Amino acid sequence: MTRDQDGRSTRWDDHRAARRAELVNAARKAVHRGGPGVSMEEIAAAAGTSKSIVYRYFEDKDGLRLAVASAVVADMHDALARAAKDAPTPLGGLRAMVRVYLEMIEHSPRVYWFVTRTSIAGVEVDDVGPDGAPLSSYLNSVIDIVARPFAEVAGVSGDVAAVWAAGAVGHVRGAGEWWLAHREAGTTSMTREELTEQVTLWLWQGPVGVLHHETARES
């Protein structure tokens, strides 16, 4: 390949990546407005193009959904990492991460459900995509972020911290999805801030309180 050919190839790759990002952003906006059942025609219209153009960049709706999921979880991961880094204390870091997660799913619940529980071709897809599982990968990567403040304050091994963090991440996700569903149905009056404080309290005082109690008893 000549230098000119290589330059044209690089420009084409950059153009294709930029166009895919534009289509993913348009899809997120379309889902935010229309819900998880939004059609490819509606997504194409939101992008100001045709469905055939969308299919040039994504093989099918499942492929587009996977790309949206990857973008969403990357945003979540970055936001949680910043929250943990900026917090003045380990407890503050945990509270900040719970708050950020709940803020993000509340801001666009339709996109969240599209990413996690969209039925495609009559099959329920939960955390599964043709190229991997972006939500599961996100949850696994967040475990390390959550484990660090716990290990710092509790003085436990990395494995113990990781086990606790895995349970904490699952607990936050489960509590958040329960709250989101019941909030949409109008069957809970709990506010996001109330849930943030309650979940943080459960996670923090549970294992941390037990470990401190055992340490005091042994000393």
Protein backbone atom coordinates (compact mmCIF):
# COMPACT_ATOMS: atom_id res chain seq x y z
CA MET A 1 0.00 0.00 0.00
CA THR A 2 1.39 3.42 -0.94
CA ARG A 3 1.54 6.36 1.45
CA ASP A 4 -1.37 8.03 -0.38
CA GLN A 5 -3.41 4.84 -0.22
CA ASP A 6 -2.60 4.45 3.45
CA GLY A 7 -3.69 8.04 4.10
CA ARG A 8 -6.97 7.52 2.25
CA SER A 9 -7.57 4.33 4.23
CA THR A 10 -6.96 6.12 7.52
CA ARG A 11 -9.30 8.97 6.56
CA TRP A 12 -11.98 6.47 5.56
CA ASP A 13 -11.61 4.60 8.86
CA ASP A 14 -11.87 7.88 10.77
CA HIS A 15 -14.91 8.91 8.75
CA ARG A 16 -16.59 5.57 9.31
CA ALA A 17 -15.92 5.70 13.07
CA ALA A 18 -17.27 9.24 13.27
CA ARG A 19 -20.38 8.30 11.30
CA ARG A 20 -21.02 5.28 13.52
CA ALA A 21 -20.73 7.52 16.59
CA GLU A 22 -23.25 9.95 15.07
CA LEU A 23 -25.71 7.12 14.38
CA VAL A 24 -25.28 5.73 17.90
CA ASN A 25 -25.98 9.17 19.35
CA ALA A 26 -29.06 9.52 17.14
CA ALA A 27 -30.26 6.08 18.24
CA ARG A 28 -29.87 7.03 21.91
CA LYS A 29 -31.96 10.16 21.33
CA ALA A 30 -34.61 8.21 19.41
CA VAL A 31 -34.88 5.60 22.16
CA HIS A 32 -34.95 8.33 24.82
CA ARG A 33 -37.99 9.85 23.09
CA GLY A 34 -39.74 6.79 21.73
CA GLY A 35 -38.81 3.96 24.08
CA PRO A 36 -37.03 0.61 23.68
CA GLY A 37 -39.39 -0.48 20.90
CA VAL A 38 -38.31 2.27 18.53
CA SER A 39 -37.94 1.03 14.95
CA MET A 40 -34.92 1.24 12.69
CA GLU A 41 -36.94 3.59 10.46
CA GLU A 42 -37.44 5.94 13.40
CA ILE A 43 -33.77 5.75 14.31
CA ALA A 44 -32.79 6.51 10.72
CA ALA A 45 -35.19 9.47 10.64
CA ALA A 46 -33.69 10.80 13.88
CA ALA A 47 -30.27 10.59 12.21
CA GLY A 48 -31.55 12.39 9.13
CA THR A 49 -30.81 9.45 6.87
CA SER A 50 -32.36 6.26 5.51
CA LYS A 51 -32.59 2.80 7.04
CA SER A 52 -30.34 1.40 4.29
CA ILE A 53 -27.59 3.81 5.32
CA VAL A 54 -27.88 2.70 8.95
CA TYR A 55 -27.50 -0.92 7.81
CA ARG A 56 -24.23 0.01 6.11
CA TYR A 57 -22.76 0.63 9.53
CA PHE A 58 -24.70 -1.89 11.64
CA GLU A 59 -25.70 -5.32 10.39
CA ASP A 60 -29.02 -5.31 12.21
CA LYS A 61 -30.85 -3.80 15.18
CA ASP A 62 -29.00 -6.12 17.54
CA GLY A 63 -25.69 -4.72 16.27
CA LEU A 64 -26.89 -1.15 16.72
CA ARG A 65 -28.18 -1.96 20.19
CA LEU A 66 -24.79 -3.42 21.11
CA ALA A 67 -23.07 -0.24 19.93
CA VAL A 68 -25.50 1.89 21.97
CA ALA A 69 -24.91 -0.35 24.98
CA SER A 70 -21.15 0.04 24.67
CA ALA A 71 -21.47 3.83 24.52
CA VAL A 72 -23.84 3.95 27.50
CA VAL A 73 -21.74 1.74 29.74
CA ALA A 74 -18.57 3.62 28.82
CA ASP A 75 -20.26 6.86 29.93
CA MET A 76 -21.39 5.19 33.15
CA HIS A 77 -17.95 3.80 33.88
CA ASP A 78 -16.27 7.17 33.34
CA ALA A 79 -18.83 8.97 35.52
CA LEU A 80 -18.41 6.45 38.35
CA ALA A 81 -14.63 6.62 38.16
CA ARG A 82 -14.74 10.42 38.41
CA ALA A 83 -17.17 10.25 41.35
CA ALA A 84 -14.91 7.85 43.23
CA LYS A 85 -11.78 9.87 42.48
CA ASP A 86 -13.28 13.23 43.54
CA ALA A 87 -14.79 11.99 46.81
CA PRO A 88 -12.92 13.09 49.97
CA THR A 89 -13.54 9.83 51.89
CA PRO A 90 -14.21 6.15 51.07
CA LEU A 91 -17.78 6.49 52.38
CA GLY A 92 -18.23 9.61 50.28
CA GLY A 93 -16.94 7.70 47.27
CA LEU A 94 -19.46 4.92 47.75
CA ARG A 95 -22.32 7.40 48.17
CA ALA A 96 -21.19 9.37 45.11
CA MET A 97 -21.07 6.23 42.95
CA VAL A 98 -24.54 5.11 44.06
CA ARG A 99 -25.87 8.60 43.36
CA VAL A 100 -24.28 8.81 39.91
CA TYR A 101 -25.65 5.42 38.87
CA LEU A 102 -29.18 6.30 39.97
CA GLU A 103 -28.96 9.73 38.33
CA MET A 104 -27.96 8.20 35.01
CA ILE A 105 -30.68 5.55 34.90
CA GLU A 106 -33.29 8.08 36.02
CA HIS A 107 -32.19 10.57 33.38
CA SER A 108 -32.93 8.17 30.55
CA PRO A 109 -34.76 5.05 31.75
CA ARG A 110 -35.87 4.16 28.23
CA VAL A 111 -32.28 3.99 27.03
CA TYR A 112 -31.35 1.95 30.09
CA TRP A 113 -34.09 -0.60 29.41
CA PHE A 114 -33.15 -0.64 25.72
CA VAL A 115 -29.57 -1.50 26.65
CA THR A 116 -30.44 -4.14 29.25
CA ARG A 117 -33.79 -5.68 28.38
CA THR A 118 -34.71 -5.21 24.75
CA SER A 119 -36.56 -8.00 22.97
CA ILE A 120 -35.05 -8.48 19.52
CA ALA A 121 -36.61 -10.80 16.98
CA GLY A 122 -38.84 -12.20 19.70
CA VAL A 123 -35.93 -13.15 21.95
CA GLU A 124 -35.22 -11.47 25.27
CA VAL A 125 -31.68 -10.21 25.26
CA ASP A 126 -30.28 -9.48 28.72
CA ASP A 127 -26.61 -8.51 28.80
CA VAL A 128 -25.93 -10.55 25.64
CA GLY A 129 -24.69 -9.34 22.29
CA PRO A 130 -23.00 -10.94 19.28
CA ASP A 131 -19.62 -9.46 20.21
CA GLY A 132 -19.82 -9.86 23.96
CA ALA A 133 -21.78 -8.51 26.89
CA PRO A 134 -21.14 -4.79 27.35
CA LEU A 135 -23.26 -4.39 30.47
CA SER A 136 -21.65 -7.39 32.14
CA SER A 137 -18.21 -6.11 31.13
CA TYR A 138 -19.10 -2.74 32.61
CA LEU A 139 -20.24 -4.31 35.87
CA ASN A 140 -17.02 -6.31 36.09
CA SER A 141 -14.89 -3.22 35.49
CA VAL A 142 -16.81 -1.26 38.12
CA ILE A 143 -16.06 -3.92 40.74
CA ASP A 144 -12.46 -2.71 40.93
CA ILE A 145 -13.56 0.91 41.39
CA VAL A 146 -15.95 -0.05 44.21
CA ALA A 147 -13.50 -2.46 45.86
CA ARG A 148 -10.74 0.11 46.40
CA PRO A 149 -12.47 2.30 49.03
CA PHE A 150 -13.78 -0.79 50.83
CA ALA A 151 -10.32 -2.36 50.99
CA GLU A 152 -8.88 0.94 52.19
CA VAL A 153 -11.21 1.36 55.16
CA ALA A 154 -11.66 -2.30 56.11
CA GLY A 155 -8.05 -3.39 55.69
CA VAL A 156 -9.00 -6.64 53.95
CA SER A 157 -7.37 -8.58 51.14
CA GLY A 158 -7.98 -7.79 47.50
CA ASP A 159 -10.07 -10.94 47.07
CA VAL A 160 -12.33 -10.12 50.01
CA ALA A 161 -12.74 -6.56 48.74
CA ALA A 162 -13.56 -7.82 45.24
CA VAL A 163 -16.16 -10.27 46.55
CA TRP A 164 -17.84 -7.52 48.56
CA ALA A 165 -17.68 -5.13 45.62
CA ALA A 166 -19.27 -7.68 43.27
CA GLY A 167 -22.16 -8.10 45.70
CA ALA A 168 -22.41 -4.34 46.18
CA VAL A 169 -22.58 -3.68 42.43
CA GLY A 170 -25.29 -6.30 42.04
CA HIS A 171 -27.20 -4.87 44.99
CA VAL A 172 -27.08 -1.33 43.61
CA ARG A 173 -28.20 -2.48 40.19
CA GLY A 174 -31.06 -4.56 41.62
CA ALA A 175 -32.22 -1.79 43.95
CA GLY A 176 -31.94 0.78 41.19
CA GLU A 177 -33.95 -1.27 38.70
CA TRP A 178 -36.64 -2.01 41.31
CA TRP A 179 -36.89 1.70 42.08
CA LEU A 180 -36.91 2.69 38.42
CA ALA A 181 -39.70 0.24 37.54
CA HIS A 182 -41.83 1.18 40.55
CA ARG A 183 -41.20 4.87 40.00
CA GLU A 184 -42.45 4.58 36.42
CA ALA A 185 -45.50 2.63 37.65
CA GLY A 186 -46.19 5.21 40.37
CA THR A 187 -46.02 2.58 43.12
CA THR A 188 -43.20 4.09 45.18
CA SER A 189 -42.76 7.51 46.73
CA MET A 190 -39.07 6.99 47.46
CA THR A 191 -36.91 9.72 45.97
CA ARG A 192 -33.59 9.13 44.28
CA GLU A 193 -31.74 10.81 47.14
CA GLU A 194 -33.57 8.71 49.73
CA LEU A 195 -32.63 5.55 47.86
CA THR A 196 -29.04 6.74 47.54
CA GLU A 197 -28.75 7.20 51.30
CA GLN A 198 -30.52 3.93 52.11
CA VAL A 199 -28.44 1.79 49.76
CA THR A 200 -25.21 3.48 50.86
CA LEU A 201 -26.12 2.84 54.51
CA TRP A 202 -26.89 -0.83 53.90
CA LEU A 203 -23.68 -1.41 51.99
CA TRP A 204 -21.44 0.53 54.33
CA GLN A 205 -22.75 -0.39 57.77
CA GLY A 206 -23.28 -4.02 56.88
CA PRO A 207 -19.81 -5.47 56.15
CA VAL A 208 -17.81 -2.52 57.45
CA GLY A 209 -19.74 -2.51 60.74
CA VAL A 210 -19.35 -6.27 61.17
CA LEU A 211 -15.60 -6.18 60.50
CA HIS A 212 -15.06 -3.31 62.90
CA HIS A 213 -17.09 -5.08 65.56
CA GLU A 214 -15.08 -8.28 65.15
CA THR A 215 -11.81 -6.36 65.27
CA ALA A 216 -12.83 -4.59 68.48
CA ARG A 217 -13.91 -7.90 70.07
CA GLU A 218 -10.62 -9.60 69.23
CA SER A 219 -8.46 -6.73 70.51
